[in-house]
Protein backbone atom coordinates (compact mmCIF):
# COMPACT_ATOMS: atom_id res chain seq x y z
CA MET A 1 153.75 26.04 165.06
CA SER A 2 157.92 26.05 165.60
CA ILE A 3 159.47 23.10 164.14
CA PHE A 4 160.02 20.94 167.39
CA TRP A 5 156.44 20.49 167.94
CA LYS A 6 155.99 20.10 164.38
CA GLN A 7 158.03 17.39 164.48
CA PHE A 8 156.68 15.77 167.77
CA PHE A 9 153.16 15.38 166.90
CA SER A 10 154.13 14.20 163.15
CA SER A 11 156.09 11.60 164.90
CA VAL A 12 153.67 10.72 168.06
CA LEU A 13 150.68 10.41 165.18
CA ILE A 14 152.63 7.53 163.21
CA ILE A 15 153.72 5.93 166.96
CA LEU A 16 150.07 6.15 167.88
CA VAL A 17 148.54 4.53 164.70
CA ILE A 18 151.36 2.13 164.68
CA LEU A 19 150.34 1.02 168.25
CA SER A 20 146.68 1.40 167.27
CA LEU A 21 146.91 -1.31 164.28
CA PHE A 22 148.85 -3.63 166.54
CA VAL A 23 146.75 -3.56 169.24
CA PHE A 24 143.99 -4.23 166.87
CA PHE A 25 145.65 -7.28 165.11
CA VAL A 26 146.60 -8.49 168.48
CA ILE A 27 143.00 -8.56 169.63
CA GLY A 28 141.64 -9.95 166.75
CA GLU A 29 143.96 -12.64 166.79
CA LEU A 30 143.26 -13.11 170.67
CA ARG A 31 139.97 -13.52 170.25
CA SER A 32 140.78 -16.18 166.91
CA TYR A 33 142.41 -17.86 169.33
CA ASP A 34 140.05 -17.72 172.10
CA GLU A 35 137.27 -18.94 169.65
CA SER A 36 139.45 -21.69 168.32
CA VAL A 37 140.27 -22.72 172.21
CA THR A 38 136.79 -22.46 173.13
CA GLY A 39 135.18 -24.48 169.70
CA GLU A 40 137.86 -26.94 170.64
CA MET A 41 136.93 -27.64 174.17
CA LEU A 42 132.85 -27.20 173.25
CA LEU A 43 133.69 -30.02 170.30
CA ALA A 44 135.91 -32.21 173.30
CA SER A 45 132.78 -31.60 175.77
CA ALA A 46 130.30 -33.14 173.19
CA ASN A 47 132.00 -35.66 172.14
CA VAL A 48 132.40 -36.91 176.10
CA VAL A 49 129.02 -36.56 176.69
CA GLY A 50 127.97 -38.38 173.44
CA GLU A 51 130.33 -41.47 174.45
CA SER A 52 128.72 -41.06 178.15
CA LEU A 53 125.53 -40.94 176.74
CA ARG A 54 125.78 -43.58 173.99
CA PRO A 55 124.54 -46.60 176.25
CA ALA A 56 121.45 -44.45 177.33
CA LEU A 57 120.90 -43.91 173.94
CA GLU A 58 121.21 -46.97 172.83
CA ASP A 59 118.12 -48.72 175.59
CA GLY A 60 115.91 -45.57 175.25
CA ARG A 61 116.38 -44.51 178.76
CA ARG A 62 115.14 -40.73 178.32
CA GLY A 63 114.79 -39.79 182.09
CA ASP A 64 118.65 -40.97 182.46
CA VAL A 65 119.95 -38.81 179.72
CA ASP A 66 118.15 -36.05 181.12
CA SER A 67 119.54 -36.29 184.70
CA LEU A 68 123.30 -36.96 183.07
CA LEU A 69 123.08 -33.68 181.37
CA LYS A 70 121.79 -31.75 184.30
CA LYS A 71 124.64 -32.82 186.37
CA LEU A 72 127.29 -32.41 183.77
CA GLY A 73 125.60 -28.81 183.05
CA GLY A 74 126.22 -27.97 186.12
CA LYS A 75 129.65 -28.46 186.81
CA SER A 76 130.97 -27.37 183.78
CA GLY A 77 129.07 -24.25 183.33
CA MET A 78 128.02 -25.42 179.65
CA ARG A 79 124.41 -25.61 177.94
CA ILE A 80 124.32 -29.35 176.52
CA THR A 81 121.48 -30.18 174.98
CA VAL A 82 120.76 -33.68 173.44
CA VAL A 83 118.62 -33.52 170.42
CA ASP A 84 117.04 -36.76 168.59
CA ARG A 85 117.23 -38.29 164.78
CA ASN A 86 114.13 -36.11 164.10
CA GLY A 87 115.49 -32.46 166.02
CA ASN A 88 113.40 -33.51 168.95
CA ALA A 89 114.68 -32.48 172.40
CA LEU A 90 115.61 -35.49 174.99
CA GLY A 91 117.49 -33.53 177.37
CA ASP A 92 119.01 -30.42 178.43
CA SER A 93 121.43 -29.38 181.28
CA HIS A 94 119.43 -25.95 181.88
CA LYS A 95 115.72 -26.55 181.52
CA ILE A 96 113.41 -29.40 181.43
CA PRO A 97 112.52 -30.12 177.24
CA ARG A 98 108.87 -29.66 176.71
CA ALA A 99 107.23 -31.96 174.62
CA ARG A 100 107.35 -31.77 170.77
CA GLU A 101 109.97 -29.09 171.05
CA THR A 102 112.29 -29.46 168.12
CA TYR A 103 115.85 -27.96 167.52
CA SER A 104 115.23 -29.17 163.66
CA ASP A 105 115.73 -25.71 162.53
CA SER A 106 119.09 -25.04 164.09
CA PRO A 107 121.88 -25.13 161.68
CA GLU A 108 124.70 -26.77 163.98
CA VAL A 109 122.07 -29.46 165.12
CA GLY A 110 121.24 -30.20 161.45
CA GLU A 111 124.51 -30.26 160.46
CA ALA A 112 124.98 -32.95 163.50
CA LEU A 113 122.08 -35.50 162.49
CA THR A 114 123.76 -35.32 159.06
CA GLY A 115 127.01 -37.00 160.66
CA GLY A 116 128.82 -33.47 160.46
CA ILE A 117 130.11 -30.99 163.06
CA GLY A 118 128.25 -27.99 163.40
CA LYS A 119 128.79 -24.60 164.54
CA SER A 120 127.07 -21.69 165.13
CA GLN A 121 127.10 -17.89 166.81
CA ARG A 122 123.87 -16.32 167.04
CA TYR A 123 121.53 -14.65 169.68
CA SER A 124 119.30 -16.58 172.00
CA SER A 125 116.21 -14.98 172.89
CA GLU A 126 115.79 -17.27 175.47
CA LEU A 127 118.87 -16.46 177.50
CA GLU A 128 118.88 -12.95 176.32
CA SER A 129 122.80 -13.83 175.24
CA GLU A 130 124.96 -14.34 172.32
CA MET A 131 125.46 -17.82 171.98
CA TYR A 132 128.62 -20.14 170.26
CA TYR A 133 127.25 -23.36 169.53
CA LEU A 134 128.98 -26.80 168.44
CA ALA A 135 126.92 -29.99 167.98
CA VAL A 136 128.43 -33.35 166.99
CA PRO A 137 126.57 -37.03 166.25
CA VAL A 138 126.11 -39.64 168.27
CA LYS A 139 126.26 -42.58 166.33
CA ASP A 140 125.49 -46.53 167.18
CA ASN A 141 127.88 -49.58 166.42
CA SER A 142 126.57 -49.29 162.52
CA GLY A 143 127.95 -46.06 161.96
CA ASN A 144 123.87 -44.73 162.12
CA VAL A 145 123.48 -41.26 164.04
CA MET A 146 121.10 -41.94 166.89
CA ALA A 147 121.23 -38.29 168.25
CA ALA A 148 123.09 -34.94 168.19
CA VAL A 149 124.85 -33.48 171.20
CA ARG A 150 125.09 -29.62 171.13
CA THR A 151 127.04 -27.70 173.50
CA ALA A 152 127.10 -24.20 174.35
CA LEU A 153 128.49 -21.17 175.88
CA PRO A 154 127.76 -17.68 176.11
CA LEU A 155 129.72 -15.37 174.30
CA GLY A 156 130.49 -13.09 176.84
CA SER A 157 131.76 -15.98 179.46
CA LEU A 158 134.15 -16.79 176.24
CA GLN A 159 135.49 -13.43 176.14
CA GLY A 160 136.02 -12.92 180.12
CA TYR A 161 139.85 -14.41 179.52
CA PRO A 162 140.17 -12.28 176.01
CA ALA A 163 138.70 -9.56 177.16
CA LEU A 164 141.40 -9.08 179.86
CA ALA A 165 143.64 -9.66 177.63
CA GLU A 166 142.30 -7.16 175.39
CA LYS A 167 142.92 -4.82 178.15
CA ARG A 168 146.22 -5.86 178.90
CA VAL A 169 147.04 -5.08 175.88
CA VAL A 170 145.77 -1.72 175.56
CA TYR A 171 147.62 -0.86 178.75
CA ILE A 172 150.53 -1.99 177.29
CA GLY A 173 150.15 0.12 174.45
CA ALA A 174 148.93 2.91 175.68
CA LEU A 175 152.16 2.89 178.10
CA LEU A 176 154.39 2.06 174.97
CA ALA A 177 152.68 5.28 173.37
CA ALA A 178 153.84 7.31 176.52
CA LEU A 179 157.00 5.70 176.71
CA ALA A 180 157.50 6.37 173.01
CA ALA A 181 156.28 10.11 173.22
CA LEU A 182 158.62 10.65 175.81
CA LEU A 183 161.26 9.34 173.64
CA LEU A 184 160.40 10.97 170.80
CA PHE A 185 160.15 14.49 172.85
CA ILE A 186 163.94 14.05 174.09
CA VAL A 187 165.06 12.59 170.49
CA THR A 188 162.90 15.49 168.63
CA LYS A 189 164.19 17.92 171.00
CA ARG A 190 167.93 17.00 170.19
CA ILE A 191 167.41 16.97 166.40
CA THR A 192 165.20 20.45 166.12
CA SER A 193 167.20 22.15 168.91
CA PRO A 194 170.31 22.48 166.08
CA LEU A 195 167.47 23.05 163.10
CA SER A 196 165.88 25.70 165.44
CA GLY A 197 168.88 27.67 165.68
CA ILE A 198 170.02 27.03 162.08
CA ILE A 199 166.52 28.78 161.34
CA SER A 200 166.92 31.73 163.40
CA ILE A 201 170.47 32.18 162.02
CA SER A 202 169.18 31.98 158.65
CA GLU A 203 166.41 34.70 159.42
CA GLU A 204 169.00 36.90 160.68
CA LEU A 205 171.13 36.21 157.54
CA ALA A 206 168.28 37.21 155.25
CA ARG A 207 167.62 40.58 157.49
CA GLY A 208 171.40 41.70 156.31
CA ASN A 209 172.93 40.66 159.85
CA LEU A 210 176.21 39.22 158.64
CA ASP A 211 178.04 39.50 161.96
CA VAL A 212 175.68 36.98 163.67
CA SER A 213 177.43 34.18 165.89
CA ILE A 214 177.11 31.00 164.48
CA PRO A 215 178.59 28.27 167.30
CA THR A 216 179.28 24.93 165.37
CA ALA A 217 178.30 21.49 167.01
CA ASP A 218 181.31 19.29 168.83
CA GLU A 219 179.57 16.41 166.60
CA GLY A 220 180.06 15.99 163.22
CA GLY A 221 176.44 15.18 161.98
CA GLU A 222 174.38 17.15 159.36
CA ALA A 223 173.66 20.18 161.67
CA SER A 224 177.18 20.67 162.68
CA ARG A 225 178.02 20.99 158.63
CA ILE A 226 174.92 23.07 157.86
CA LYS A 227 176.20 25.64 160.24
CA GLY A 228 179.53 25.50 159.25
CA ALA A 229 178.42 26.17 155.51
CA LEU A 230 176.02 28.80 157.02
CA ASP A 231 178.94 30.20 158.96
CA LYS A 232 181.52 29.87 155.72
CA MET A 233 178.31 31.63 153.95
CA ALA A 234 177.94 34.68 156.02
CA ARG A 235 181.84 35.37 156.39
CA ASN A 236 181.77 35.09 151.71
CA LEU A 237 178.96 37.59 152.18
CA SER A 238 180.02 39.72 154.89
CA GLY A 239 183.20 40.06 152.58
CA LEU A 240 181.26 40.52 149.58
CA PHE A 241 178.85 43.04 150.97
CA LYS A 242 181.71 44.78 152.16
CA GLU A 243 183.89 44.67 148.94
CA VAL A 244 180.22 46.22 147.54
CA SER A 245 180.06 48.93 150.15
CA ARG A 246 183.23 49.96 149.34
CA GLU A 247 182.88 50.39 145.90
CA LYS A 248 179.74 51.97 146.53
CA ASN A 249 181.30 54.50 148.71
CA GLN A 250 183.94 54.82 146.10
CA LEU A 251 181.80 55.40 143.21
CA LYS A 252 179.77 57.64 145.04
CA ALA A 253 182.72 59.75 146.07
CA VAL A 254 184.27 59.90 142.79
CA LEU A 255 180.46 60.95 141.06
CA GLY A 256 180.50 63.66 144.08
CA ALA A 257 184.00 65.25 143.44
CA MET A 258 182.89 65.33 139.68
CA SER A 259 182.48 69.04 138.38
CA GLU A 260 180.88 66.85 135.12
CA GLY A 261 177.34 66.10 135.43
CA VAL A 262 176.84 62.49 135.73
CA MET A 263 173.10 60.48 135.23
CA VAL A 264 172.67 56.99 134.43
CA ILE A 265 169.49 56.08 132.58
CA SER A 266 167.72 52.65 132.65
CA SER A 267 166.42 51.34 129.14
CA ASP A 268 162.99 52.24 130.04
CA GLY A 269 164.06 55.63 130.34
CA LYS A 270 163.95 55.68 134.40
CA VAL A 271 166.34 57.92 135.94
CA VAL A 272 168.82 55.53 138.17
CA ILE A 273 171.59 57.31 139.71
CA THR A 274 172.66 61.24 139.30
CA ASN A 275 175.59 62.74 140.84
CA ASN A 276 175.90 66.29 142.58
CA ALA A 277 177.10 68.47 139.98
CA LEU A 278 174.25 67.70 138.00
CA ARG A 279 171.40 67.93 140.70
CA ASN A 280 173.14 71.42 141.31
CA MET A 281 173.06 71.98 137.32
CA PHE A 282 168.92 71.32 137.10
CA ASN A 283 168.41 72.96 140.65
CA LEU A 284 167.60 69.37 142.16
CA LYS A 285 167.43 69.24 145.87
CA GLU A 286 167.60 65.37 146.45
CA GLU A 287 167.89 62.52 144.41
CA PRO A 288 165.29 62.43 141.87
CA GLY A 289 164.65 58.58 142.00
CA ARG A 290 163.36 56.36 139.27
CA LYS A 291 161.51 59.55 137.64
CA PRO A 292 161.46 59.76 133.60
CA PHE A 293 164.68 61.47 132.65
CA TRP A 294 162.30 64.00 130.41
CA GLU A 295 160.96 65.43 133.70
CA ILE A 296 164.73 66.04 135.25
CA ILE A 297 166.36 67.52 132.06
CA ARG A 298 163.37 69.29 130.65
CA ASN A 299 165.13 70.67 127.04
CA ARG A 300 163.89 68.94 123.99
CA GLU A 301 167.38 68.74 122.45
CA LEU A 302 168.88 66.94 124.87
CA ALA A 303 165.89 64.64 125.18
CA ARG A 304 166.27 63.71 121.38
CA LEU A 305 170.06 62.88 122.31
CA VAL A 306 169.09 60.65 124.74
CA GLU A 307 166.20 58.73 122.79
CA GLY A 308 168.47 58.32 119.88
CA VAL A 309 170.98 56.39 121.84
CA LEU A 310 168.32 54.21 123.85
CA GLU A 311 167.33 53.52 120.57
CA LYS A 312 170.18 52.95 118.86
CA ARG A 313 173.06 51.83 121.45
CA THR A 314 175.14 53.69 120.09
CA PRO A 315 177.05 56.55 121.88
CA ASP A 316 175.99 59.92 120.56
CA SER A 317 177.58 63.92 121.97
CA LYS A 318 176.16 67.27 121.49
CA GLU A 319 176.58 70.86 122.57
CA ILE A 320 173.57 72.30 124.26
CA PHE A 321 172.55 75.89 125.36
CA TYR A 322 169.96 76.62 128.32
CA LEU A 323 168.65 79.71 129.11
CA TYR A 324 166.97 78.55 132.86
CA PRO A 325 167.82 79.16 135.27
CA ASP A 326 171.35 80.64 133.85
CA GLU A 327 172.58 81.05 130.70
CA ARG A 328 174.86 77.95 130.28
CA HIS A 329 176.35 75.94 127.78
CA TYR A 330 176.90 72.68 128.20
CA PHE A 331 178.67 69.70 125.93
CA ILE A 332 176.38 66.37 126.50
CA ASN A 333 178.21 62.95 126.07
CA VAL A 334 175.70 60.11 126.21
CA ILE A 335 177.11 56.26 126.08
CA PRO A 336 175.25 53.12 126.04
CA LEU A 337 176.64 50.95 128.86
CA ASP A 338 177.66 47.16 128.40
CA SER A 339 175.51 46.14 130.93
CA PRO A 340 172.68 43.74 130.84
CA ASP A 341 169.98 46.23 131.75
CA ARG A 342 171.03 48.09 128.70
CA GLU A 343 171.30 51.30 130.79
CA ILE A 344 173.02 54.78 129.10
CA ILE A 345 174.86 57.08 131.00
CA VAL A 346 174.90 61.16 130.42
CA VAL A 347 177.91 63.38 130.91
CA MET A 348 177.54 66.95 131.33
CA PHE A 349 180.09 69.39 130.85
CA ASP A 350 179.59 72.56 131.74
CA ILE A 351 181.62 74.72 129.15
CA THR A 352 180.12 77.68 130.08
CA ASP A 353 183.47 79.43 130.89
CA PHE A 354 185.32 78.03 127.98
CA LYS A 355 182.71 80.40 125.78
CA ARG A 356 183.20 82.96 127.67
CA LEU A 357 186.69 82.87 127.27
CA GLU A 358 186.16 82.41 123.81
CA LYS A 359 184.16 85.41 123.59
CA ILE A 360 186.89 87.40 125.63
CA LYS A 361 189.71 86.41 123.25
CA ALA A 362 187.18 87.23 120.50
CA ASP A 363 186.51 90.84 122.28
CA PHE A 364 190.13 91.48 123.09
CA ILE A 365 191.21 90.45 119.79
CA ALA A 366 188.78 92.86 118.47
CA ASN A 367 189.17 95.64 120.84
CA VAL A 368 193.25 95.50 120.18
CA SER A 369 192.90 96.04 116.75
CA HIS A 370 189.96 98.77 117.41
CA GLU A 371 192.42 100.69 119.96
CA LEU A 372 195.71 100.15 117.26
CA ARG A 373 193.90 100.83 113.88
CA THR A 374 192.70 104.53 115.26
CA PRO A 375 196.22 105.69 116.04
CA LEU A 376 197.78 103.90 113.41
CA THR A 377 195.59 105.55 110.91
CA ALA A 378 195.87 109.27 112.72
CA ILE A 379 200.21 108.62 112.62
CA LYS A 380 199.88 106.83 108.63
CA GLY A 381 197.58 109.81 107.63
CA TYR A 382 199.55 112.77 109.21
CA THR A 383 202.96 111.49 107.99
CA GLU A 384 201.63 111.22 104.59
CA THR A 385 200.70 114.54 104.90
CA LEU A 386 204.20 115.61 106.01
CA GLU A 387 206.09 113.58 103.50
CA GLU A 388 203.98 115.44 100.55
CA GLY A 389 204.54 118.98 102.10
CA ALA A 390 200.77 119.42 102.04
CA TYR A 391 201.02 121.80 104.85
CA GLU A 392 200.88 126.06 104.92
CA SER A 393 203.18 127.35 107.56
CA GLN A 394 205.58 125.99 110.11
CA GLU A 395 202.63 125.83 112.63
CA ASP A 396 200.47 123.33 111.06
CA ARG A 397 203.82 121.29 110.59
CA GLU A 398 204.27 121.39 113.98
CA HIS A 399 200.73 120.48 115.30
CA PHE A 400 200.82 117.72 112.33
CA LEU A 401 204.09 116.54 114.64
CA GLY A 402 202.16 117.08 118.11
CA ILE A 403 199.49 114.45 116.61
CA ILE A 404 201.65 111.84 115.53
CA LYS A 405 203.32 112.20 118.54
CA ARG A 406 200.32 111.97 120.93
CA HIS A 407 199.07 109.22 119.04
CA THR A 408 202.72 107.27 119.39
CA ASP A 409 202.13 108.14 123.40
CA ARG A 410 198.84 106.23 123.32
CA LEU A 411 200.62 103.50 120.99
CA ILE A 412 203.03 103.32 123.65
CA ASN A 413 201.05 103.07 126.47
CA ILE A 414 198.68 100.67 124.88
CA VAL A 415 201.36 98.00 124.09
CA SER A 416 203.07 98.90 127.52
CA ASP A 417 199.85 98.11 128.99
CA LEU A 418 199.62 94.95 127.17
CA LEU A 419 202.83 93.72 127.91
CA VAL A 420 202.04 94.01 131.58
CA LEU A 421 199.09 92.26 131.45
CA SER A 422 200.44 89.44 129.39
CA GLU A 423 203.27 89.48 131.93
CA VAL A 424 200.93 89.17 134.83
CA GLU A 425 198.76 86.78 132.87
CA SER A 426 201.51 84.48 131.86
CA ARG A 427 203.51 84.29 135.29
CA ASP A 428 203.12 81.43 137.81
CA THR A 429 201.18 84.28 140.60
CA ALA A 430 202.99 86.59 141.74
CA PHE A 431 205.89 84.32 142.54
CA GLY A 432 207.32 84.24 139.59
CA ASP A 433 210.96 84.29 138.33
CA ALA A 434 211.28 87.56 136.78
CA ALA A 435 213.60 89.44 139.11
CA ASP A 436 211.09 92.88 139.19
CA ALA A 437 208.22 89.98 140.89
CA GLU A 438 210.62 88.61 143.46
CA VAL A 439 208.75 87.79 146.64
CA GLU A 440 209.67 90.36 150.08
CA GLU A 441 208.02 91.38 153.03
CA ILE A 442 206.80 95.07 151.81
CA ASN A 443 205.10 97.80 153.96
CA LEU A 444 202.21 98.86 152.22
CA ASN A 445 202.28 102.37 153.50
CA GLU A 446 205.63 102.90 151.90
CA VAL A 447 204.39 101.29 148.54
CA ILE A 448 201.53 103.76 148.43
CA LYS A 449 203.55 106.79 149.62
CA SER A 450 205.96 106.29 146.59
CA SER A 451 203.08 105.75 144.49
CA LEU A 452 201.09 109.48 145.42
CA GLU A 453 205.07 111.17 144.49
CA ALA A 454 204.78 109.55 141.33
CA LEU A 455 201.74 111.11 140.69
CA ARG A 456 201.74 113.60 143.31
CA SER A 457 202.64 116.51 140.07
CA ALA A 458 199.49 115.35 137.89
CA ALA A 459 197.31 115.88 141.11
CA ALA A 460 199.00 119.15 141.56
CA GLU A 461 197.86 120.43 138.01
CA LYS A 462 194.30 119.71 139.12
CA ASP A 463 194.20 121.51 142.63
CA LEU A 464 193.47 118.33 143.79
CA GLU A 465 193.28 117.83 147.79
CA VAL A 466 194.72 114.22 148.37
CA SER A 467 194.81 112.49 151.56
CA PHE A 468 196.73 109.56 153.07
CA THR A 469 195.49 108.04 156.55
CA THR A 470 196.67 104.91 158.40
CA ASP A 471 195.94 103.02 161.53
CA ASN A 472 199.66 103.38 162.26
CA GLY A 473 200.03 99.73 161.76
CA ALA A 474 203.03 98.49 160.10
CA HIS A 475 200.92 96.55 157.13
CA SER A 476 203.74 94.17 156.22
CA ILE A 477 202.47 91.46 153.71
CA ARG A 478 204.30 88.68 151.28
CA ALA A 479 204.02 90.44 148.06
CA SER A 480 205.77 91.64 144.41
CA ARG A 481 206.64 95.28 144.74
CA PHE A 482 207.02 95.94 141.20
CA LEU A 483 203.02 94.50 140.73
CA LEU A 484 202.03 96.23 144.07
CA GLU A 485 203.54 99.58 142.66
CA GLN A 486 201.78 98.88 139.33
CA MET A 487 198.35 98.56 140.50
CA PHE A 488 198.08 101.48 143.03
CA ILE A 489 199.75 103.54 140.45
CA ASN A 490 196.88 102.77 138.18
CA LEU A 491 194.30 103.15 140.63
CA ILE A 492 195.45 106.31 141.88
CA ASP A 493 196.23 107.68 138.29
CA ASN A 494 192.45 106.72 137.65
CA ALA A 495 191.17 108.73 140.75
CA VAL A 496 193.20 111.90 139.65
CA LYS A 497 192.25 111.55 136.15
CA TYR A 498 188.80 111.32 136.50
CA THR A 499 188.22 113.86 138.90
CA PRO A 500 187.40 117.50 138.63
CA ASP A 501 189.91 120.37 139.58
CA ASN A 502 189.77 121.27 143.28
CA GLY A 503 188.45 117.80 143.69
CA LYS A 504 189.81 115.19 146.59
CA VAL A 505 191.40 111.70 147.02
CA ALA A 506 191.27 109.93 149.94
CA ILE A 507 193.54 106.58 150.55
CA ARG A 508 193.08 105.02 153.78
CA ILE A 509 194.51 101.99 154.67
CA SER A 510 193.84 99.65 157.97
CA SER A 511 193.97 95.95 159.61
CA SER A 512 190.84 94.14 158.68
CA GLY A 513 191.25 90.14 160.46
CA GLY A 514 194.04 88.63 158.55
CA ALA A 515 194.02 91.23 155.90
CA VAL A 516 194.91 94.51 155.01
CA LEU A 517 192.66 96.73 153.45
CA THR A 518 193.23 99.48 151.55
CA GLU A 519 190.14 102.14 149.77
CA ILE A 520 190.89 104.84 147.50
CA GLU A 521 188.10 107.25 147.24
CA ASP A 522 187.77 110.04 145.15
CA THR A 523 184.86 113.02 144.71
CA GLY A 524 185.44 112.15 140.55
CA ILE A 525 182.63 111.84 137.78
CA GLY A 526 181.72 108.14 139.22
CA ILE A 527 180.56 105.60 137.70
CA PRO A 528 176.92 104.40 136.31
CA LYS A 529 175.38 101.65 137.60
CA GLU A 530 174.71 99.32 134.60
CA HIS A 531 178.58 99.76 133.79
CA LEU A 532 180.25 98.62 137.15
CA PRO A 533 179.61 94.55 136.39
CA ARG A 534 182.24 95.13 133.66
CA ILE A 535 184.81 97.85 134.47
CA PHE A 536 187.14 95.18 134.91
CA GLU A 537 187.39 93.99 131.38
CA ARG A 538 189.79 94.16 128.71
CA PHE A 539 189.27 98.09 126.90
CA TYR A 540 186.15 98.46 128.52
CA ARG A 541 185.60 101.92 128.84
CA VAL A 542 182.13 103.96 130.26
CA ASP A 543 183.01 106.99 128.78
CA LYS A 544 185.53 106.07 125.02
CA THR A 545 185.77 109.51 124.18
CA ARG A 546 186.91 110.77 127.49
CA SER A 547 189.05 108.06 128.59
CA ARG A 548 190.91 108.47 125.21
CA ASN A 549 191.42 111.92 125.59
CA LEU A 550 192.78 111.14 129.18
CA GLY A 551 195.13 108.77 127.81
CA GLY A 552 193.65 106.17 129.31
CA THR A 553 193.65 102.69 127.26
CA GLY A 554 191.21 100.26 128.43
CA LEU A 555 193.32 97.58 130.33
CA GLY A 556 194.16 99.24 133.90
CA LEU A 557 191.99 98.05 136.16
CA SER A 558 191.95 94.66 134.18
CA ILE A 559 195.77 94.56 135.27
CA VAL A 560 195.04 96.06 138.69
CA LYS A 561 192.29 92.68 139.39
CA HIS A 562 194.71 90.02 138.10
CA ILE A 563 197.39 91.26 140.81
CA VAL A 564 195.02 91.39 143.39
CA ILE A 565 193.81 87.62 142.79
CA MET A 566 197.26 86.78 142.52
CA HIS A 567 198.25 88.14 145.66
CA GLY A 568 194.91 85.77 146.93
CA GLY A 569 193.12 89.28 147.38
CA LYS A 570 189.85 90.72 146.59
CA ILE A 571 188.68 93.97 144.79
CA ASP A 572 185.60 95.51 145.16
CA VAL A 573 183.94 99.23 144.09
CA HIS A 574 181.06 101.77 144.95
CA SER A 575 180.54 104.20 142.80
CA GLU A 576 177.53 106.39 142.24
CA GLU A 577 177.60 108.84 139.15
CA GLY A 578 178.31 112.61 139.55
CA LYS A 579 179.80 111.58 143.43
CA GLY A 580 182.59 110.07 143.18
CA SER A 581 183.80 106.02 143.44
CA ARG A 582 185.59 103.69 146.00
CA PHE A 583 188.16 100.82 145.38
CA SER A 584 188.38 98.73 148.21
CA ILE A 585 191.32 96.00 148.35
CA SER A 586 191.87 93.33 150.49
CA LEU A 587 195.16 91.92 150.66
CA PRO A 588 196.22 88.60 153.03
CA TYR A 589 199.12 88.42 155.39
CA GLY A 590 201.44 86.14 154.13
CA TYR A 591 199.62 84.78 151.21
CA GLN A 592 201.57 81.78 150.01
CA PRO A 593 199.82 80.45 146.37
CA PRO A 594 200.47 76.81 145.15
CA LEU A 595 203.65 77.11 143.16
CA ASN A 596 201.66 76.32 139.95
CA GLU A 597 198.70 78.28 140.10
CA ARG A 598 198.16 81.06 137.65
CA ALA A 599 195.93 83.90 137.52
CA PRO A 600 192.27 82.86 136.97
CA TYR A 601 192.46 84.75 133.41
CA ASN A 602 188.75 83.71 132.70
CA LYS A 603 187.21 85.33 135.68
CA VAL A 604 188.46 88.75 134.64
């Protein structure tokens, strides 16, 4: 039920109760007043009758008494009875008194015969009506009671006028009730109409609709003040919600952009928030919701770390290694938050690449030490032999010098490749400040041809069939001529070295989308499948003995990949053992890397 009908019915009920009480008391007063007036009328009539009958009573003329009573009763409609001092009827206005009929048992008569005024209301079986009786004494000159005059009227006749008045009072009360109900309807409607609007507005606000229109009434009443307060509250809440939403979106954007995994855990161990990075770390397709943290991380060391911080409320960190789904290294930092909910935040730094970089650096130092120690040991040994003259002939001496020269050339090649690799890795992309690394428009056809000229004699010694084909395009790109020459010489030199006599080396260049595709294919010894993922690592060789004998340093392909990446390109290799290899290099036209970009050393 609406507030209007509640208020209306409540008010009508109150009015009806008040009017009912009013009518009840008014009717009661009317009845009391009527009874009082009737009593006075009966008393006056009794006194008049008594005075009129005094002479007849004094003379003992009983017949005159009865006839006089019938005349008076017929005119007044009132029943008049005269009783002697013994209680016997002397006369009656409505009937003929019977002999020995006594009224001594009537309380009003008994009261009158004792000298007082008697009153009584009772039902008369004779008249079959509720009667009102009043009796007065009739005294002689000496003051003695000679008789009693009783006057009576039926209560129905007495209530005729009051009944009409009562009906009018009831009618007036009903009319006033109807009028009050109408006025209450109008007033309640006027009062509750703003309240209904306020309730509707409050319900909209409770549902989160803060843009609801709140019209303010012109009058300065309470409803207008409430609407004004609601409007102000709605504006304030809208501003707060927008601010909270903005901060939430900012937090969501920040968490989504972070490469570190972030997870907020409540004091009862339930996950509150996770970002995209953490879900990717644990292969979660969606927000885990209020799940226990140990269902998400599934790592005993990390679980103990989180439980310790939840219990002690002190920050802690640890490096943890995951084997599944991939081998990953994480540095975990767990910090308790100073919030009423006593939450903690877990930040996971993926340090796998750093670990891999450390391993690469360690392997690099070990490989450099190994690669340099072998020729240096040989040079030192044969030099000491020559110094001591421990050779038998000139041929032995020349043989020793040849070995020293070969190992010296090997050292020079290693140092030279290391310098090139160091220069490539330390330079801000191919667009560095060195004179030999200036960027220019370069025709790749010319660079490949010049590289082939530098290696033509080596290919001729092995009777290799070297071919170069192009789709007749210009194939001009912005690049460093020095670096591209280093790249193609390394690739073509490898193809020549590892291709047996009378083999083939084919170089093809063509346009592919927005890039230039260069393929260098040979019919050489090929690369076993298990070695393909590691051929671009520093000092990695498939066949170490064969590579050293051919003068390889193990750095050429690493240099090649760095140069390709520096120019924004890609390199792929396809090889089959015993059948040859094919290197495919894709270089984009007009590549413009950022000035501070460096070759991704850790990816090589």
